[in-house]
Amino acid sequence: MVKSASSDRLSDIASYYTATLALHGAPAKRVDWNSQTSQLLRFDQLTKIIAVPAGFSLNDFGCGYGALFDYLRTGYRDFLYTGFDISAAMVATARRRNRAANARYVLASEPPKVADFGVASGIFHVRLTRSDSEWRNYFEATLDIMNRTSRRGFSFNCLTIYSDSDKMRRDLYYADPCNVFDHCSGFIHAISPCCTITAFMNLRSW
């Protein structure tokens, strides 16, 4: 297990997802997605950074029960996957579900080693009672970690600040894509010559 100060600060988030896992039966609901369809639509977008069909490694930030690994093995081969999560129950479930030789699940708040790619699906959404500034600090610190631990590129999604106000929730974080783009622009020369924002149609996220 990789321990850090972030692990302690996010203990309530871990408890939230542990409770979600215990409450819901449908796989996507276990990680608080509306449906498996919406989860797969996000995976379609997030994995566009993987420009090769085989022979790569990937860190899955906040892996949950391992749904991204299930998705990857339908379209890629000969890859090494490391999923990590701050919920012990999620990691235990992922390990029970899949014992593939190319998959590893770790209880941690940061990846144990550098990989070719990093993907974070949904980990920036739920902030519970934290303020905008607190969560933005966590968000940007995590992007810095993704940059440091990804050789070839990384992708993530966020809820958009341009969501309809009547659909926004106080316990969720809505990011300004312009601010995030500015933060990520500092990474461009480190691992990739480009930074791209893609709107997820009908999902109120990007």
N, C-alpha and C. Protein backbone atom coordinates (compact mmCIF):
# COMPACT_ATOMS: atom_id res chain seq x y z
N MET A 1 0.85 -1.20 0.00
CA MET A 1 0.00 0.00 0.00
C MET A 1 0.88 1.24 0.00
N VAL A 2 0.53 2.19 -0.85
CA VAL A 2 1.25 3.46 -0.90
C VAL A 2 0.49 4.46 -0.06
N LYS A 3 1.04 4.85 1.05
CA LYS A 3 0.39 5.81 1.95
C LYS A 3 0.91 7.21 1.70
N SER A 4 0.04 8.20 1.89
CA SER A 4 0.45 9.59 1.78
C SER A 4 -0.50 10.43 2.59
N ALA A 5 -0.16 11.70 2.75
CA ALA A 5 -1.05 12.60 3.46
C ALA A 5 -2.39 12.70 2.75
N SER A 6 -2.36 12.56 1.42
CA SER A 6 -3.60 12.61 0.64
C SER A 6 -4.55 11.49 1.02
N SER A 7 -4.00 10.32 1.37
CA SER A 7 -4.85 9.20 1.77
C SER A 7 -5.69 9.56 2.97
N ASP A 8 -5.09 10.22 3.96
CA ASP A 8 -5.82 10.61 5.16
C ASP A 8 -6.84 11.71 4.86
N ARG A 9 -6.46 12.67 4.02
CA ARG A 9 -7.37 13.76 3.70
C ARG A 9 -8.59 13.28 2.93
N LEU A 10 -8.46 12.17 2.22
CA LEU A 10 -9.55 11.66 1.39
C LEU A 10 -10.27 10.48 2.03
N SER A 11 -10.11 10.30 3.33
CA SER A 11 -10.72 9.15 3.99
C SER A 11 -12.24 9.17 3.88
N ASP A 12 -12.85 10.36 3.91
CA ASP A 12 -14.31 10.44 3.78
C ASP A 12 -14.76 10.11 2.36
N ILE A 13 -13.94 10.45 1.37
CA ILE A 13 -14.25 10.08 -0.01
C ILE A 13 -14.18 8.56 -0.16
N ALA A 14 -13.16 7.96 0.43
CA ALA A 14 -13.05 6.49 0.40
C ALA A 14 -14.27 5.85 1.04
N SER A 15 -14.71 6.39 2.16
CA SER A 15 -15.88 5.86 2.85
C SER A 15 -17.13 6.00 1.99
N TYR A 16 -17.24 7.11 1.27
CA TYR A 16 -18.38 7.34 0.38
C TYR A 16 -18.47 6.25 -0.68
N TYR A 17 -17.34 5.95 -1.32
CA TYR A 17 -17.36 4.95 -2.39
C TYR A 17 -17.50 3.53 -1.83
N THR A 18 -16.98 3.30 -0.65
CA THR A 18 -17.18 2.00 -0.02
C THR A 18 -18.66 1.78 0.25
N ALA A 19 -19.34 2.82 0.73
CA ALA A 19 -20.78 2.73 0.98
C ALA A 19 -21.56 2.55 -0.33
N THR A 20 -21.12 3.24 -1.39
CA THR A 20 -21.77 3.11 -2.69
C THR A 20 -21.65 1.69 -3.21
N LEU A 21 -20.48 1.09 -3.03
CA LEU A 21 -20.25 -0.29 -3.44
C LEU A 21 -21.18 -1.24 -2.71
N ALA A 22 -21.37 -1.00 -1.41
CA ALA A 22 -22.23 -1.88 -0.61
C ALA A 22 -23.71 -1.71 -0.96
N LEU A 23 -24.08 -0.52 -1.40
CA LEU A 23 -25.50 -0.20 -1.63
C LEU A 23 -26.02 -0.68 -2.96
N HIS A 24 -25.23 -0.50 -4.03
CA HIS A 24 -25.73 -0.74 -5.39
C HIS A 24 -25.26 -2.08 -5.95
N GLY A 25 -26.13 -2.68 -6.74
CA GLY A 25 -25.79 -3.96 -7.35
C GLY A 25 -25.24 -3.83 -8.76
N ALA A 26 -25.76 -2.88 -9.56
CA ALA A 26 -25.29 -2.72 -10.93
C ALA A 26 -23.85 -2.23 -10.92
N PRO A 27 -22.97 -2.83 -11.73
CA PRO A 27 -21.55 -2.46 -11.70
C PRO A 27 -21.27 -0.97 -11.77
N ALA A 28 -21.86 -0.26 -12.74
CA ALA A 28 -21.56 1.17 -12.87
C ALA A 28 -22.03 1.94 -11.65
N LYS A 29 -23.14 1.55 -11.05
CA LYS A 29 -23.65 2.22 -9.86
C LYS A 29 -22.69 2.08 -8.69
N ARG A 30 -21.88 1.03 -8.69
CA ARG A 30 -20.93 0.82 -7.60
C ARG A 30 -19.92 1.95 -7.51
N VAL A 31 -19.65 2.61 -8.62
CA VAL A 31 -18.73 3.74 -8.60
C VAL A 31 -19.46 5.04 -8.89
N ASP A 32 -20.76 5.01 -8.71
CA ASP A 32 -21.61 6.21 -8.75
C ASP A 32 -21.84 6.78 -10.14
N TRP A 33 -21.71 5.97 -11.20
CA TRP A 33 -22.12 6.41 -12.53
C TRP A 33 -23.61 6.17 -12.67
N ASN A 34 -24.26 6.97 -13.52
CA ASN A 34 -25.69 6.80 -13.74
C ASN A 34 -26.02 5.46 -14.38
N SER A 35 -25.15 5.01 -15.28
CA SER A 35 -25.39 3.75 -15.98
C SER A 35 -24.09 3.23 -16.56
N GLN A 36 -24.12 1.96 -16.95
CA GLN A 36 -22.94 1.40 -17.60
C GLN A 36 -22.70 2.05 -18.96
N THR A 37 -23.78 2.45 -19.64
CA THR A 37 -23.64 3.11 -20.94
C THR A 37 -22.85 4.41 -20.83
N SER A 38 -23.18 5.23 -19.84
CA SER A 38 -22.47 6.49 -19.68
C SER A 38 -21.02 6.25 -19.28
N GLN A 39 -20.79 5.21 -18.50
CA GLN A 39 -19.42 4.85 -18.12
C GLN A 39 -18.60 4.48 -19.35
N LEU A 40 -19.17 3.68 -20.24
CA LEU A 40 -18.45 3.25 -21.44
C LEU A 40 -18.22 4.40 -22.41
N LEU A 41 -19.16 5.34 -22.48
CA LEU A 41 -18.96 6.52 -23.33
C LEU A 41 -17.74 7.32 -22.86
N ARG A 42 -17.58 7.43 -21.57
CA ARG A 42 -16.42 8.14 -21.02
C ARG A 42 -15.13 7.38 -21.31
N PHE A 43 -15.16 6.07 -21.18
CA PHE A 43 -13.98 5.27 -21.49
C PHE A 43 -13.59 5.43 -22.96
N ASP A 44 -14.59 5.49 -23.85
CA ASP A 44 -14.30 5.69 -25.28
C ASP A 44 -13.46 6.95 -25.49
N GLN A 45 -13.80 8.03 -24.79
CA GLN A 45 -13.09 9.29 -24.95
C GLN A 45 -11.73 9.27 -24.25
N LEU A 46 -11.72 8.76 -23.02
CA LEU A 46 -10.50 8.82 -22.23
C LEU A 46 -9.37 7.96 -22.79
N THR A 47 -9.72 6.89 -23.49
CA THR A 47 -8.68 6.00 -24.03
C THR A 47 -8.18 6.42 -25.41
N LYS A 48 -8.66 7.54 -25.91
CA LYS A 48 -8.17 8.03 -27.21
C LYS A 48 -6.69 8.43 -27.15
N ILE A 49 -6.17 8.63 -25.94
CA ILE A 49 -4.74 8.95 -25.83
C ILE A 49 -3.87 7.74 -26.17
N ILE A 50 -4.44 6.53 -26.13
CA ILE A 50 -3.67 5.31 -26.41
C ILE A 50 -3.64 5.12 -27.92
N ALA A 51 -2.54 5.47 -28.53
CA ALA A 51 -2.44 5.47 -29.99
C ALA A 51 -1.88 4.17 -30.55
N VAL A 52 -1.69 3.18 -29.71
CA VAL A 52 -1.15 1.90 -30.16
C VAL A 52 -2.09 0.78 -29.74
N PRO A 53 -2.15 -0.32 -30.50
CA PRO A 53 -3.06 -1.41 -30.16
C PRO A 53 -2.52 -2.38 -29.11
N ALA A 54 -1.23 -2.26 -28.83
CA ALA A 54 -0.62 -3.23 -27.92
C ALA A 54 0.71 -2.70 -27.40
N GLY A 55 1.23 -3.38 -26.36
CA GLY A 55 2.57 -3.08 -25.88
C GLY A 55 2.72 -1.79 -25.11
N PHE A 56 1.81 -1.50 -24.19
CA PHE A 56 1.90 -0.29 -23.38
C PHE A 56 1.54 -0.61 -21.94
N SER A 57 1.84 0.35 -21.05
CA SER A 57 1.45 0.23 -19.65
C SER A 57 0.54 1.39 -19.29
N LEU A 58 -0.33 1.19 -18.30
CA LEU A 58 -1.32 2.22 -17.96
C LEU A 58 -1.60 2.21 -16.47
N ASN A 59 -1.65 3.40 -15.88
CA ASN A 59 -2.10 3.58 -14.50
C ASN A 59 -3.53 4.08 -14.50
N ASP A 60 -4.39 3.39 -13.77
CA ASP A 60 -5.80 3.77 -13.66
C ASP A 60 -6.02 4.43 -12.30
N PHE A 61 -6.17 5.75 -12.31
CA PHE A 61 -6.35 6.53 -11.08
C PHE A 61 -7.78 6.37 -10.57
N GLY A 62 -7.94 5.84 -9.37
CA GLY A 62 -9.27 5.60 -8.83
C GLY A 62 -9.97 4.50 -9.60
N CYS A 63 -9.37 3.31 -9.61
CA CYS A 63 -9.80 2.21 -10.47
C CYS A 63 -11.15 1.61 -10.11
N GLY A 64 -11.62 1.87 -8.87
CA GLY A 64 -12.88 1.26 -8.47
C GLY A 64 -12.80 -0.26 -8.52
N TYR A 65 -13.80 -0.89 -9.10
CA TYR A 65 -13.83 -2.36 -9.15
C TYR A 65 -13.13 -2.92 -10.39
N GLY A 66 -12.46 -2.05 -11.17
CA GLY A 66 -11.67 -2.52 -12.30
C GLY A 66 -12.37 -2.48 -13.64
N ALA A 67 -13.37 -1.61 -13.80
CA ALA A 67 -14.15 -1.56 -15.05
C ALA A 67 -13.29 -1.15 -16.25
N LEU A 68 -12.31 -0.27 -16.04
CA LEU A 68 -11.49 0.16 -17.17
C LEU A 68 -10.66 -1.00 -17.73
N PHE A 69 -10.20 -1.88 -16.85
CA PHE A 69 -9.45 -3.04 -17.35
C PHE A 69 -10.35 -3.91 -18.21
N ASP A 70 -11.59 -4.13 -17.78
CA ASP A 70 -12.54 -4.90 -18.58
C ASP A 70 -12.69 -4.27 -19.97
N TYR A 71 -12.78 -2.95 -20.00
CA TYR A 71 -12.93 -2.24 -21.27
C TYR A 71 -11.67 -2.40 -22.13
N LEU A 72 -10.50 -2.22 -21.55
CA LEU A 72 -9.25 -2.26 -22.31
C LEU A 72 -9.02 -3.61 -22.99
N ARG A 73 -9.35 -4.67 -22.32
CA ARG A 73 -9.03 -5.97 -22.91
C ARG A 73 -9.96 -6.36 -24.05
N THR A 74 -11.00 -5.56 -24.31
CA THR A 74 -11.84 -5.81 -25.49
C THR A 74 -11.26 -5.19 -26.75
N GLY A 75 -10.30 -4.26 -26.60
CA GLY A 75 -9.77 -3.59 -27.78
C GLY A 75 -8.26 -3.50 -27.86
N TYR A 76 -7.57 -3.93 -26.80
CA TYR A 76 -6.10 -3.85 -26.77
C TYR A 76 -5.53 -5.19 -26.31
N ARG A 77 -4.24 -5.37 -26.57
CA ARG A 77 -3.58 -6.61 -26.17
C ARG A 77 -2.16 -6.32 -25.67
N ASP A 78 -1.63 -7.28 -24.95
CA ASP A 78 -0.25 -7.22 -24.47
C ASP A 78 0.05 -5.91 -23.74
N PHE A 79 -0.84 -5.50 -22.85
CA PHE A 79 -0.62 -4.29 -22.08
C PHE A 79 -0.53 -4.63 -20.60
N LEU A 80 0.09 -3.73 -19.84
CA LEU A 80 0.22 -3.89 -18.40
C LEU A 80 -0.64 -2.83 -17.72
N TYR A 81 -1.54 -3.27 -16.87
CA TYR A 81 -2.50 -2.38 -16.22
C TYR A 81 -2.26 -2.36 -14.71
N THR A 82 -2.18 -1.16 -14.14
CA THR A 82 -2.13 -0.99 -12.69
C THR A 82 -3.28 -0.10 -12.28
N GLY A 83 -4.20 -0.64 -11.50
CA GLY A 83 -5.30 0.14 -10.97
C GLY A 83 -5.07 0.40 -9.49
N PHE A 84 -5.33 1.62 -9.06
CA PHE A 84 -5.18 1.90 -7.63
C PHE A 84 -6.35 2.74 -7.15
N ASP A 85 -6.67 2.60 -5.88
CA ASP A 85 -7.84 3.26 -5.33
C ASP A 85 -7.64 3.47 -3.84
N ILE A 86 -8.34 4.47 -3.28
CA ILE A 86 -8.23 4.75 -1.84
C ILE A 86 -9.26 3.99 -1.03
N SER A 87 -10.17 3.27 -1.70
CA SER A 87 -11.16 2.44 -1.01
C SER A 87 -10.68 1.00 -0.97
N ALA A 88 -10.42 0.49 0.22
CA ALA A 88 -9.96 -0.89 0.36
C ALA A 88 -11.00 -1.87 -0.17
N ALA A 89 -12.27 -1.56 0.02
CA ALA A 89 -13.34 -2.45 -0.46
C ALA A 89 -13.34 -2.52 -1.99
N MET A 90 -13.11 -1.37 -2.64
CA MET A 90 -13.05 -1.36 -4.10
C MET A 90 -11.88 -2.20 -4.60
N VAL A 91 -10.71 -2.04 -4.00
CA VAL A 91 -9.54 -2.79 -4.43
C VAL A 91 -9.76 -4.29 -4.22
N ALA A 92 -10.35 -4.66 -3.08
CA ALA A 92 -10.62 -6.07 -2.81
C ALA A 92 -11.59 -6.65 -3.85
N THR A 93 -12.59 -5.86 -4.21
CA THR A 93 -13.56 -6.31 -5.21
C THR A 93 -12.88 -6.48 -6.57
N ALA A 94 -12.03 -5.52 -6.94
CA ALA A 94 -11.31 -5.61 -8.22
C ALA A 94 -10.43 -6.86 -8.27
N ARG A 95 -9.76 -7.15 -7.17
CA ARG A 95 -8.89 -8.33 -7.14
C ARG A 95 -9.68 -9.62 -7.25
N ARG A 96 -10.87 -9.65 -6.64
CA ARG A 96 -11.70 -10.86 -6.73
C ARG A 96 -12.25 -11.04 -8.14
N ARG A 97 -12.60 -9.92 -8.78
CA ARG A 97 -13.22 -9.98 -10.10
C ARG A 97 -12.23 -10.41 -11.18
N ASN A 98 -10.98 -10.02 -11.04
CA ASN A 98 -10.05 -10.25 -12.13
C ASN A 98 -8.67 -10.61 -11.61
N ARG A 99 -8.22 -11.78 -11.99
CA ARG A 99 -6.89 -12.25 -11.58
C ARG A 99 -5.96 -12.38 -12.79
N ALA A 100 -6.19 -11.58 -13.81
CA ALA A 100 -5.37 -11.63 -15.02
C ALA A 100 -3.92 -11.31 -14.69
N ALA A 101 -3.01 -11.95 -15.41
CA ALA A 101 -1.58 -11.77 -15.15
C ALA A 101 -1.10 -10.36 -15.46
N ASN A 102 -1.79 -9.65 -16.35
CA ASN A 102 -1.35 -8.30 -16.73
C ASN A 102 -2.09 -7.20 -15.97
N ALA A 103 -2.81 -7.57 -14.90
CA ALA A 103 -3.54 -6.58 -14.10
C ALA A 103 -3.08 -6.63 -12.65
N ARG A 104 -2.89 -5.45 -12.09
CA ARG A 104 -2.48 -5.32 -10.68
C ARG A 104 -3.34 -4.26 -10.03
N TYR A 105 -3.84 -4.54 -8.83
CA TYR A 105 -4.68 -3.59 -8.10
C TYR A 105 -4.02 -3.26 -6.76
N VAL A 106 -3.91 -1.96 -6.47
CA VAL A 106 -3.16 -1.50 -5.31
C VAL A 106 -4.00 -0.53 -4.49
N LEU A 107 -3.94 -0.65 -3.17
CA LEU A 107 -4.57 0.30 -2.28
C LEU A 107 -3.61 1.47 -2.11
N ALA A 108 -3.92 2.60 -2.73
CA ALA A 108 -2.98 3.72 -2.75
C ALA A 108 -3.68 4.99 -3.22
N SER A 109 -3.06 6.13 -2.95
CA SER A 109 -3.58 7.41 -3.46
C SER A 109 -2.73 7.92 -4.62
N GLU A 110 -1.62 7.24 -4.90
CA GLU A 110 -0.76 7.58 -6.03
C GLU A 110 -0.29 6.30 -6.69
N PRO A 111 0.02 6.32 -7.99
CA PRO A 111 0.49 5.11 -8.65
C PRO A 111 1.85 4.68 -8.09
N PRO A 112 2.07 3.38 -7.96
CA PRO A 112 3.34 2.91 -7.41
C PRO A 112 4.53 3.11 -8.33
N LYS A 113 4.28 3.27 -9.63
CA LYS A 113 5.40 3.50 -10.56
C LYS A 113 4.90 4.20 -11.81
N VAL A 114 5.83 4.68 -12.61
CA VAL A 114 5.52 5.39 -13.85
C VAL A 114 4.99 4.40 -14.89
N ALA A 115 4.03 4.85 -15.71
CA ALA A 115 3.49 4.05 -16.81
C ALA A 115 3.48 4.90 -18.07
N ASP A 116 3.20 4.27 -19.21
CA ASP A 116 3.11 5.03 -20.46
C ASP A 116 1.95 6.02 -20.41
N PHE A 117 0.81 5.56 -19.91
CA PHE A 117 -0.38 6.40 -19.89
C PHE A 117 -1.02 6.41 -18.50
N GLY A 118 -1.74 7.48 -18.21
CA GLY A 118 -2.52 7.57 -16.99
C GLY A 118 -3.94 7.98 -17.34
N VAL A 119 -4.92 7.36 -16.70
CA VAL A 119 -6.33 7.69 -16.94
C VAL A 119 -7.03 7.87 -15.60
N ALA A 120 -7.83 8.93 -15.50
CA ALA A 120 -8.63 9.17 -14.29
C ALA A 120 -10.07 9.42 -14.71
N SER A 121 -10.94 8.49 -14.41
CA SER A 121 -12.34 8.61 -14.80
C SER A 121 -13.21 8.84 -13.56
N GLY A 122 -13.67 10.08 -13.40
CA GLY A 122 -14.64 10.38 -12.36
C GLY A 122 -14.10 10.73 -10.99
N ILE A 123 -12.79 10.72 -10.80
CA ILE A 123 -12.27 10.92 -9.45
C ILE A 123 -12.34 12.36 -8.97
N PHE A 124 -12.60 13.29 -9.89
CA PHE A 124 -12.66 14.70 -9.49
C PHE A 124 -14.09 15.19 -9.25
N HIS A 125 -15.06 14.32 -9.39
CA HIS A 125 -16.46 14.75 -9.30
C HIS A 125 -16.93 14.99 -7.87
N VAL A 126 -16.76 14.00 -7.01
CA VAL A 126 -17.34 14.03 -5.66
C VAL A 126 -16.40 14.72 -4.68
N ARG A 127 -16.81 15.86 -4.16
CA ARG A 127 -15.98 16.58 -3.20
C ARG A 127 -16.60 16.59 -1.81
N LEU A 128 -17.86 16.19 -1.69
CA LEU A 128 -18.62 16.19 -0.44
C LEU A 128 -18.72 17.61 0.13
N THR A 129 -18.08 17.90 1.26
CA THR A 129 -18.26 19.22 1.90
C THR A 129 -17.11 20.19 1.64
N ARG A 130 -16.17 19.83 0.79
CA ARG A 130 -15.03 20.70 0.58
C ARG A 130 -15.38 21.94 -0.26
N SER A 131 -14.67 23.02 -0.01
CA SER A 131 -14.89 24.25 -0.76
C SER A 131 -14.29 24.12 -2.16
N ASP A 132 -14.67 25.05 -3.04
CA ASP A 132 -14.12 25.07 -4.39
C ASP A 132 -12.60 25.15 -4.36
N SER A 133 -12.05 26.03 -3.51
CA SER A 133 -10.60 26.22 -3.47
C SER A 133 -9.89 24.97 -2.95
N GLU A 134 -10.44 24.33 -1.92
CA GLU A 134 -9.84 23.11 -1.38
C GLU A 134 -9.78 22.03 -2.45
N TRP A 135 -10.92 21.85 -3.14
CA TRP A 135 -10.96 20.76 -4.12
C TRP A 135 -10.12 21.08 -5.35
N ARG A 136 -10.07 22.35 -5.73
CA ARG A 136 -9.23 22.71 -6.86
C ARG A 136 -7.76 22.45 -6.54
N ASN A 137 -7.33 22.70 -5.32
CA ASN A 137 -5.95 22.39 -4.92
C ASN A 137 -5.66 20.91 -5.05
N TYR A 138 -6.61 20.08 -4.58
CA TYR A 138 -6.45 18.62 -4.70
C TYR A 138 -6.43 18.22 -6.17
N PHE A 139 -7.33 18.78 -6.94
CA PHE A 139 -7.44 18.49 -8.37
C PHE A 139 -6.13 18.79 -9.09
N GLU A 140 -5.59 19.97 -8.89
CA GLU A 140 -4.37 20.36 -9.58
C GLU A 140 -3.16 19.56 -9.09
N ALA A 141 -3.14 19.22 -7.80
CA ALA A 141 -2.05 18.38 -7.28
C ALA A 141 -2.09 17.00 -7.91
N THR A 142 -3.29 16.47 -8.14
CA THR A 142 -3.42 15.17 -8.77
C THR A 142 -3.00 15.22 -10.24
N LEU A 143 -3.32 16.31 -10.92
CA LEU A 143 -2.86 16.47 -12.30
C LEU A 143 -1.34 16.50 -12.36
N ASP A 144 -0.73 17.13 -11.37
CA ASP A 144 0.74 17.15 -11.32
C ASP A 144 1.29 15.73 -11.16
N ILE A 145 0.61 14.92 -10.35
CA ILE A 145 1.03 13.52 -10.17
C ILE A 145 0.86 12.75 -11.48
N MET A 146 -0.26 12.98 -12.17
CA MET A 146 -0.48 12.30 -13.45
C MET A 146 0.61 12.67 -14.45
N ASN A 147 0.99 13.93 -14.48
CA ASN A 147 2.05 14.37 -15.37
C ASN A 147 3.38 13.70 -15.02
N ARG A 148 3.66 13.59 -13.73
CA ARG A 148 4.93 13.03 -13.28
C ARG A 148 5.02 11.53 -13.51
N THR A 149 3.88 10.84 -13.52
CA THR A 149 3.89 9.37 -13.59
C THR A 149 3.41 8.82 -14.93
N SER A 150 3.32 9.70 -15.95
CA SER A 150 2.87 9.27 -17.29
C SER A 150 3.92 9.65 -18.32
N ARG A 151 4.45 8.65 -19.01
CA ARG A 151 5.52 8.93 -19.99
C ARG A 151 4.98 9.56 -21.27
N ARG A 152 3.84 9.05 -21.75
CA ARG A 152 3.38 9.42 -23.09
C ARG A 152 2.11 10.27 -23.12
N GLY A 153 1.40 10.30 -22.02
CA GLY A 153 0.19 11.12 -21.99
C GLY A 153 -0.77 10.67 -20.90
N PHE A 154 -1.72 11.53 -20.57
CA PHE A 154 -2.74 11.16 -19.59
C PHE A 154 -4.05 11.85 -19.94
N SER A 155 -5.14 11.29 -19.44
CA SER A 155 -6.47 11.85 -19.69
C SER A 155 -7.30 11.77 -18.42
N PHE A 156 -8.28 12.67 -18.34
CA PHE A 156 -9.16 12.71 -17.17
C PHE A 156 -10.45 13.39 -17.58
N ASN A 157 -11.46 13.27 -16.77
CA ASN A 157 -12.72 13.98 -17.05
C ASN A 157 -13.16 14.78 -15.83
N CYS A 158 -14.01 15.78 -16.11
CA CYS A 158 -14.53 16.67 -15.06
C CYS A 158 -15.97 17.03 -15.40
N LEU A 159 -16.71 17.37 -14.39
CA LEU A 159 -18.00 18.01 -14.61
C LEU A 159 -17.73 19.46 -15.00
N THR A 160 -18.55 20.01 -15.87
CA THR A 160 -18.29 21.36 -16.35
C THR A 160 -19.03 22.43 -15.55
N ILE A 161 -18.36 23.53 -15.36
CA ILE A 161 -18.96 24.67 -14.67
C ILE A 161 -20.10 25.27 -15.48
N TYR A 162 -20.19 24.90 -16.75
CA TYR A 162 -21.25 25.41 -17.62
C TYR A 162 -22.49 24.51 -17.62
N SER A 163 -22.60 23.62 -16.64
CA SER A 163 -23.79 22.80 -16.50
C SER A 163 -25.00 23.66 -16.16
N ASP A 164 -26.19 23.17 -16.46
CA ASP A 164 -27.41 23.87 -16.07
C ASP A 164 -27.46 23.99 -14.55
N SER A 165 -27.71 25.19 -14.06
CA SER A 165 -27.64 25.44 -12.62
C SER A 165 -28.61 24.57 -11.83
N ASP A 166 -29.76 24.25 -12.41
CA ASP A 166 -30.75 23.45 -11.68
C ASP A 166 -30.36 21.98 -11.59
N LYS A 167 -29.32 21.58 -12.32
CA LYS A 167 -28.85 20.20 -12.29
C LYS A 167 -27.55 20.05 -11.48
N MET A 168 -27.02 21.15 -10.98
CA MET A 168 -25.77 21.11 -10.23
C MET A 168 -26.02 20.76 -8.77
N ARG A 169 -25.11 19.99 -8.19
CA ARG A 169 -25.22 19.56 -6.79
C ARG A 169 -24.08 20.13 -5.96
N ARG A 170 -24.38 20.46 -4.71
CA ARG A 170 -23.39 21.08 -3.84
C ARG A 170 -22.24 20.13 -3.49
N ASP A 171 -22.48 18.82 -3.52
CA ASP A 171 -21.43 17.86 -3.14
C ASP A 171 -20.54 17.47 -4.32
N LEU A 172 -20.80 18.05 -5.49
CA LEU A 172 -19.99 17.75 -6.67
C LEU A 172 -19.18 18.98 -7.08
N TYR A 173 -18.06 18.72 -7.75
CA TYR A 173 -17.17 19.80 -8.18
C TYR A 173 -17.30 20.01 -9.68
N TYR A 174 -17.51 21.26 -10.07
CA TYR A 174 -17.66 21.63 -11.48
C TYR A 174 -16.48 22.52 -11.88
N ALA A 175 -15.66 22.00 -12.77
CA ALA A 175 -14.41 22.69 -13.12
C ALA A 175 -14.59 23.61 -14.32
N ASP A 176 -13.80 24.67 -14.32
CA ASP A 176 -13.76 25.60 -15.45
C ASP A 176 -12.72 25.07 -16.43
N PRO A 177 -13.12 24.64 -17.63
CA PRO A 177 -12.14 24.07 -18.57
C PRO A 177 -11.03 25.02 -18.95
N CYS A 178 -11.31 26.32 -18.97
CA CYS A 178 -10.26 27.29 -19.32
C CYS A 178 -9.15 27.31 -18.27
N ASN A 179 -9.53 27.29 -16.99
CA ASN A 179 -8.54 27.27 -15.92
C ASN A 179 -7.71 25.99 -15.94
N VAL A 180 -8.39 24.88 -16.18
CA VAL A 180 -7.69 23.59 -16.21
C VAL A 180 -6.74 23.52 -17.40
N PHE A 181 -7.18 24.04 -18.54
CA PHE A 181 -6.32 24.06 -19.72
C PHE A 181 -5.05 24.87 -19.43
N ASP A 182 -5.20 26.00 -18.76
CA ASP A 182 -4.04 26.82 -18.41
C ASP A 182 -3.07 26.04 -17.53
N HIS A 183 -3.62 25.28 -16.56
CA HIS A 183 -2.76 24.50 -15.68
C HIS A 183 -2.03 23.41 -16.47
N CYS A 184 -2.76 22.73 -17.34
CA CYS A 184 -2.16 21.62 -18.10
C CYS A 184 -1.20 22.09 -19.18
N SER A 185 -1.33 23.34 -19.61
CA SER A 185 -0.45 23.83 -20.67
C SER A 185 1.01 23.79 -20.24
N GLY A 186 1.25 23.83 -18.94
CA GLY A 186 2.62 23.75 -18.45
C GLY A 186 3.23 22.37 -18.61
N PHE A 187 2.38 21.35 -18.89
CA PHE A 187 2.88 19.99 -19.06
C PHE A 187 3.22 19.67 -20.50
N ILE A 188 2.78 20.52 -21.42
CA ILE A 188 2.83 20.17 -22.85
C ILE A 188 4.22 19.76 -23.31
N HIS A 189 5.22 20.52 -22.97
CA HIS A 189 6.56 20.21 -23.46
C HIS A 189 7.20 19.06 -22.70
N ALA A 190 6.60 18.70 -21.56
CA ALA A 190 7.18 17.61 -20.77
C ALA A 190 6.89 16.24 -21.38
N ILE A 191 5.63 15.99 -21.80
CA ILE A 191 5.30 14.64 -22.28
C ILE A 191 4.58 14.63 -23.62
N SER A 192 4.01 15.73 -24.06
CA SER A 192 3.22 15.71 -25.28
C SER A 192 3.20 17.12 -25.90
N PRO A 193 3.14 17.20 -27.23
CA PRO A 193 3.08 18.51 -27.88
C PRO A 193 1.68 19.11 -27.91
N CYS A 194 0.70 18.44 -27.33
CA CYS A 194 -0.66 18.98 -27.42
C CYS A 194 -1.46 18.71 -26.16
N CYS A 195 -2.49 19.56 -25.99
CA CYS A 195 -3.43 19.42 -24.89
C CYS A 195 -4.81 19.63 -25.49
N THR A 196 -5.74 18.69 -25.29
CA THR A 196 -7.03 18.73 -25.96
C THR A 196 -8.17 18.66 -24.96
N ILE A 197 -9.19 19.47 -25.18
CA ILE A 197 -10.43 19.40 -24.39
C ILE A 197 -11.54 18.86 -25.29
N THR A 198 -12.22 17.83 -24.82
CA THR A 198 -13.32 17.23 -25.56
C THR A 198 -14.59 17.27 -24.72
N ALA A 199 -15.66 17.79 -25.27
CA ALA A 199 -16.94 17.82 -24.56
C ALA A 199 -17.62 16.47 -24.68
N PHE A 200 -18.11 15.94 -23.56
CA PHE A 200 -18.84 14.69 -23.56
C PHE A 200 -20.31 15.02 -23.76
N MET A 201 -20.81 14.83 -24.94
CA MET A 201 -22.16 15.22 -25.27
C MET A 201 -23.18 14.54 -24.37
N ASN A 202 -24.11 15.33 -23.83
CA ASN A 202 -25.22 14.86 -22.99
C ASN A 202 -24.79 14.32 -21.65
N LEU A 203 -23.50 14.50 -21.28
CA LEU A 203 -23.02 13.97 -20.01
C LEU A 203 -22.62 15.08 -19.04
N ARG A 204 -22.75 16.35 -19.47
CA ARG A 204 -22.44 17.51 -18.64
C ARG A 204 -21.00 17.45 -18.10
N SER A 205 -20.11 16.93 -18.92
CA SER A 205 -18.71 16.83 -18.49
C SER A 205 -17.81 17.01 -19.69
N TRP A 206 -16.50 17.08 -19.39
CA TRP A 206 -15.50 17.23 -20.46
C TRP A 206 -14.24 16.52 -20.05
